[in-house]
Amino acid sequence: MRNLTYVVYILLFTILSTIVLYFGRSFLVPIALAAIMATLFIEVSNWLNNVG
């Protein structure tokens, strides 16, 4: 019985996560892209600060 409850919780978490990600696409995609671009450009920024 305990294993069944554990499986149900995992299934519920997976379904809810999928629903949140599906409906949050319009908000989460720009945030993710901004984070990736900030990570990429931090090296360029540091180099420009060191150059002068």
PDB file of N, CA and C in Angstrom:
ATOM      1  N   MET A   1       0.819  -1.204   0.000  1.00  0.00           N
ATOM      2  CA  MET A   1       0.000   0.000   0.000  1.00  0.00           C
ATOM      3  C   MET A   1       0.854   1.256   0.000  1.00  0.00           C
ATOM      4  N   ARG A   2       1.965   1.199   0.723  1.00  0.00           N
ATOM      5  CA  ARG A   2       2.833   2.368   0.799  1.00  0.00           C
ATOM      6  C   ARG A   2       3.474   2.649  -0.566  1.00  0.00           C
ATOM      7  N   ASN A   3       3.849   1.598  -1.302  1.00  0.00           N
ATOM      8  CA  ASN A   3       4.439   1.787  -2.627  1.00  0.00           C
ATOM      9  C   ASN A   3       3.445   2.390  -3.603  1.00  0.00           C
ATOM     10  N   LEU A   4       2.184   1.999  -3.486  1.00  0.00           N
ATOM     11  CA  LEU A   4       1.150   2.553  -4.348  1.00  0.00           C
ATOM     12  C   LEU A   4       0.983   4.049  -4.105  1.00  0.00           C
ATOM     13  N   THR A   5       1.004   4.480  -2.862  1.00  0.00           N
ATOM     14  CA  THR A   5       0.906   5.900  -2.533  1.00  0.00           C
ATOM     15  C   THR A   5       2.092   6.662  -3.108  1.00  0.00           C
ATOM     16  N   TYR A   6       3.277   6.088  -3.016  1.00  0.00           N
ATOM     17  CA  TYR A   6       4.483   6.721  -3.554  1.00  0.00           C
ATOM     18  C   TYR A   6       4.370   6.890  -5.069  1.00  0.00           C
ATOM     19  N   VAL A   7       3.880   5.868  -5.747  1.00  0.00           N
ATOM     20  CA  VAL A   7       3.720   5.922  -7.199  1.00  0.00           C
ATOM     21  C   VAL A   7       2.678   6.971  -7.580  1.00  0.00           C
ATOM     22  N   VAL A   8       1.613   7.062  -6.825  1.00  0.00           N
ATOM     23  CA  VAL A   8       0.577   8.049  -7.111  1.00  0.00           C
ATOM     24  C   VAL A   8       1.122   9.464  -6.936  1.00  0.00           C
ATOM     25  N   TYR A   9       1.920   9.688  -5.913  1.00  0.00           N
ATOM     26  CA  TYR A   9       2.516  11.017  -5.710  1.00  0.00           C
ATOM     27  C   TYR A   9       3.462  11.379  -6.853  1.00  0.00           C
ATOM     28  N   ILE A  10       4.247  10.439  -7.295  1.00  0.00           N
ATOM     29  CA  ILE A  10       5.162  10.706  -8.410  1.00  0.00           C
ATOM     30  C   ILE A  10       4.383  11.009  -9.689  1.00  0.00           C
ATOM     31  N   LEU A  11       3.339  10.242  -9.954  1.00  0.00           N
ATOM     32  CA  LEU A  11       2.508  10.471 -11.130  1.00  0.00           C
ATOM     33  C   LEU A  11       1.818  11.823 -11.065  1.00  0.00           C
ATOM     34  N   LEU A  12       1.294  12.174  -9.904  1.00  0.00           N
ATOM     35  CA  LEU A  12       0.640  13.471  -9.724  1.00  0.00           C
ATOM     36  C   LEU A  12       1.619  14.619  -9.916  1.00  0.00           C
ATOM     37  N   PHE A  13       2.814  14.481  -9.369  1.00  0.00           N
ATOM     38  CA  PHE A  13       3.842  15.512  -9.539  1.00  0.00           C
ATOM     39  C   PHE A  13       4.217  15.668 -11.011  1.00  0.00           C
ATOM     40  N   THR A  14       4.349  14.565 -11.724  1.00  0.00           N
ATOM     41  CA  THR A  14       4.702  14.617 -13.139  1.00  0.00           C
ATOM     42  C   THR A  14       3.615  15.291 -13.962  1.00  0.00           C
ATOM     43  N   ILE A  15       2.380  14.948 -13.694  1.00  0.00           N
ATOM     44  CA  ILE A  15       1.274  15.546 -14.450  1.00  0.00           C
ATOM     45  C   ILE A  15       1.156  17.035 -14.156  1.00  0.00           C
ATOM     46  N   LEU A  16       1.241  17.414 -12.895  1.00  0.00           N
ATOM     47  CA  LEU A  16       1.145  18.838 -12.547  1.00  0.00           C
ATOM     48  C   LEU A  16       2.313  19.644 -13.095  1.00  0.00           C
ATOM     49  N   SER A  17       3.505  19.066 -13.082  1.00  0.00           N
ATOM     50  CA  SER A  17       4.669  19.754 -13.645  1.00  0.00           C
ATOM     51  C   SER A  17       4.494  19.976 -15.135  1.00  0.00           C
ATOM     52  N   THR A  18       3.990  18.971 -15.826  1.00  0.00           N
ATOM     53  CA  THR A  18       3.761  19.098 -17.261  1.00  0.00           C
ATOM     54  C   THR A  18       2.729  20.177 -17.559  1.00  0.00           C
ATOM     55  N   ILE A  19       1.671  20.229 -16.774  1.00  0.00           N
ATOM     56  CA  ILE A  19       0.632  21.243 -16.985  1.00  0.00           C
ATOM     57  C   ILE A  19       1.190  22.641 -16.742  1.00  0.00           C
ATOM     58  N   VAL A  20       1.959  22.811 -15.673  1.00  0.00           N
ATOM     59  CA  VAL A  20       2.537  24.128 -15.365  1.00  0.00           C
ATOM     60  C   VAL A  20       3.502  24.559 -16.467  1.00  0.00           C
ATOM     61  N   LEU A  21       4.335  23.649 -16.932  1.00  0.00           N
ATOM     62  CA  LEU A  21       5.279  23.998 -17.996  1.00  0.00           C
ATOM     63  C   LEU A  21       4.562  24.295 -19.309  1.00  0.00           C
ATOM     64  N   TYR A  22       3.494  23.575 -19.598  1.00  0.00           N
ATOM     65  CA  TYR A  22       2.755  23.803 -20.842  1.00  0.00           C
ATOM     66  C   TYR A  22       2.095  25.177 -20.842  1.00  0.00           C
ATOM     67  N   PHE A  23       1.408  25.512 -19.763  1.00  0.00           N
ATOM     68  CA  PHE A  23       0.708  26.789 -19.730  1.00  0.00           C
ATOM     69  C   PHE A  23       1.639  27.954 -19.387  1.00  0.00           C
ATOM     70  N   GLY A  24       2.822  27.679 -18.852  1.00  0.00           N
ATOM     71  CA  GLY A  24       3.766  28.731 -18.529  1.00  0.00           C
ATOM     72  C   GLY A  24       4.781  29.003 -19.623  1.00  0.00           C
ATOM     73  N   ARG A  25       4.586  28.383 -20.790  1.00  0.00           N
ATOM     74  CA  ARG A  25       5.541  28.553 -21.884  1.00  0.00           C
ATOM     75  C   ARG A  25       5.780  30.007 -22.240  1.00  0.00           C
ATOM     76  N   SER A  26       4.712  30.775 -22.378  1.00  0.00           N
ATOM     77  CA  SER A  26       4.844  32.163 -22.830  1.00  0.00           C
ATOM     78  C   SER A  26       5.627  33.008 -21.826  1.00  0.00           C
ATOM     79  N   PHE A  27       5.677  32.589 -20.579  1.00  0.00           N
ATOM     80  CA  PHE A  27       6.428  33.317 -19.559  1.00  0.00           C
ATOM     81  C   PHE A  27       7.812  32.711 -19.328  1.00  0.00           C
ATOM     82  N   LEU A  28       7.908  31.394 -19.342  1.00  0.00           N
ATOM     83  CA  LEU A  28       9.151  30.717 -18.969  1.00  0.00           C
ATOM     84  C   LEU A  28      10.201  30.711 -20.082  1.00  0.00           C
ATOM     85  N   VAL A  29       9.789  30.678 -21.337  1.00  0.00           N
ATOM     86  CA  VAL A  29      10.760  30.644 -22.435  1.00  0.00           C
ATOM     87  C   VAL A  29      11.593  31.921 -22.482  1.00  0.00           C
ATOM     88  N   PRO A  30      11.003  33.123 -22.425  1.00  0.00           N
ATOM     89  CA  PRO A  30      11.842  34.327 -22.408  1.00  0.00           C
ATOM     90  C   PRO A  30      12.757  34.415 -21.186  1.00  0.00           C
ATOM     91  N   ILE A  31      12.279  33.944 -20.035  1.00  0.00           N
ATOM     92  CA  ILE A  31      13.120  33.956 -18.832  1.00  0.00           C
ATOM     93  C   ILE A  31      14.315  33.025 -19.016  1.00  0.00           C
ATOM     94  N   ALA A  32      14.080  31.854 -19.584  1.00  0.00           N
ATOM     95  CA  ALA A  32      15.170  30.892 -19.818  1.00  0.00           C
ATOM     96  C   ALA A  32      16.160  31.430 -20.830  1.00  0.00           C
ATOM     97  N   LEU A  33      15.672  32.030 -21.900  1.00  0.00           N
ATOM     98  CA  LEU A  33      16.573  32.601 -22.902  1.00  0.00           C
ATOM     99  C   LEU A  33      17.380  33.764 -22.329  1.00  0.00           C
ATOM    100  N   ALA A  34      16.779  34.571 -21.495  1.00  0.00           N
ATOM    101  CA  ALA A  34      17.497  35.676 -20.864  1.00  0.00           C
ATOM    102  C   ALA A  34      18.602  35.154 -19.948  1.00  0.00           C
ATOM    103  N   ALA A  35      18.319  34.090 -19.225  1.00  0.00           N
ATOM    104  CA  ALA A  35      19.338  33.509 -18.340  1.00  0.00           C
ATOM    105  C   ALA A  35      20.501  32.936 -19.149  1.00  0.00           C
ATOM    106  N   ILE A  36      20.196  32.277 -20.248  1.00  0.00           N
ATOM    107  CA  ILE A  36      21.255  31.722 -21.101  1.00  0.00           C
ATOM    108  C   ILE A  36      22.095  32.837 -21.706  1.00  0.00           C
ATOM    109  N   MET A  37      21.453  33.885 -22.202  1.00  0.00           N
ATOM    110  CA  MET A  37      22.202  34.992 -22.802  1.00  0.00           C
ATOM    111  C   MET A  37      23.038  35.723 -21.761  1.00  0.00           C
ATOM    112  N   ALA A  38      22.522  35.895 -20.562  1.00  0.00           N
ATOM    113  CA  ALA A  38      23.293  36.551 -19.505  1.00  0.00           C
ATOM    114  C   ALA A  38      24.529  35.731 -19.156  1.00  0.00           C
ATOM    115  N   THR A  39      24.380  34.414 -19.129  1.00  0.00           N
ATOM    116  CA  THR A  39      25.519  33.546 -18.847  1.00  0.00           C
ATOM    117  C   THR A  39      26.567  33.643 -19.942  1.00  0.00           C
ATOM    118  N   LEU A  40      26.113  33.720 -21.182  1.00  0.00           N
ATOM    119  CA  LEU A  40      27.060  33.807 -22.297  1.00  0.00           C
ATOM    120  C   LEU A  40      27.770  35.158 -22.350  1.00  0.00           C
ATOM    121  N   PHE A  41      27.047  36.228 -22.060  1.00  0.00           N
ATOM    122  CA  PHE A  41      27.613  37.564 -22.196  1.00  0.00           C
ATOM    123  C   PHE A  41      28.409  38.026 -20.990  1.00  0.00           C
ATOM    124  N   ILE A  42      28.394  37.301 -19.900  1.00  0.00           N
ATOM    125  CA  ILE A  42      29.146  37.736 -18.725  1.00  0.00           C
ATOM    126  C   ILE A  42      30.649  37.696 -18.990  1.00  0.00           C
ATOM    127  N   GLU A  43      31.106  36.729 -19.785  1.00  0.00           N
ATOM    128  CA  GLU A  43      32.524  36.667 -20.134  1.00  0.00           C
ATOM    129  C   GLU A  43      32.930  37.855 -20.996  1.00  0.00           C
ATOM    130  N   VAL A  44      32.080  38.218 -21.937  1.00  0.00           N
ATOM    131  CA  VAL A  44      32.360  39.383 -22.782  1.00  0.00           C
ATOM    132  C   VAL A  44      32.394  40.642 -21.933  1.00  0.00           C
ATOM    133  N   SER A  45      31.485  40.752 -21.010  1.00  0.00           N
ATOM    134  CA  SER A  45      31.438  41.911 -20.123  1.00  0.00           C
ATOM    135  C   SER A  45      32.684  42.011 -19.262  1.00  0.00           C
ATOM    136  N   ASN A  46      33.107  40.877 -18.699  1.00  0.00           N
ATOM    137  CA  ASN A  46      34.337  40.877 -17.890  1.00  0.00           C
ATOM    138  C   ASN A  46      35.553  41.254 -18.726  1.00  0.00           C
ATOM    139  N   TRP A  47      35.623  40.771 -19.955  1.00  0.00           N
ATOM    140  CA  TRP A  47      36.755  41.073 -20.825  1.00  0.00           C
ATOM    141  C   TRP A  47      36.768  42.566 -21.163  1.00  0.00           C
ATOM    142  N   LEU A  48      35.591  43.137 -21.464  1.00  0.00           N
ATOM    143  CA  LEU A  48      35.527  44.557 -21.773  1.00  0.00           C
ATOM    144  C   LEU A  48      35.909  45.414 -20.552  1.00  0.00           C
ATOM    145  N   ASN A  49      35.542  44.983 -19.368  1.00  0.00           N
ATOM    146  CA  ASN A  49      35.934  45.717 -18.164  1.00  0.00           C
ATOM    147  C   ASN A  49      37.448  45.678 -17.970  1.00  0.00           C
ATOM    148  N   ASN A  50      38.072  44.555 -18.258  1.00  0.00           N
ATOM    149  CA  ASN A  50      39.516  44.437 -18.093  1.00  0.00           C
ATOM    150  C   ASN A  50      40.282  45.218 -19.159  1.00  0.00           C
ATOM    151  N   VAL A  51      39.731  45.299 -20.376  1.00  0.00           N
ATOM    152  CA  VAL A  51      40.404  46.014 -21.452  1.00  0.00           C
ATOM    153  C   VAL A  51      40.381  47.515 -21.188  1.00  0.00           C
ATOM    154  N   GLY A  52      39.293  47.985 -20.678  1.00  0.00           N
ATOM    155  CA  GLY A  52      39.258  49.390 -20.315  1.00  0.00           C
ATOM    156  C   GLY A  52      38.077  50.059 -20.872  1.00  0.00           C
TER     157      GLY A  52
END
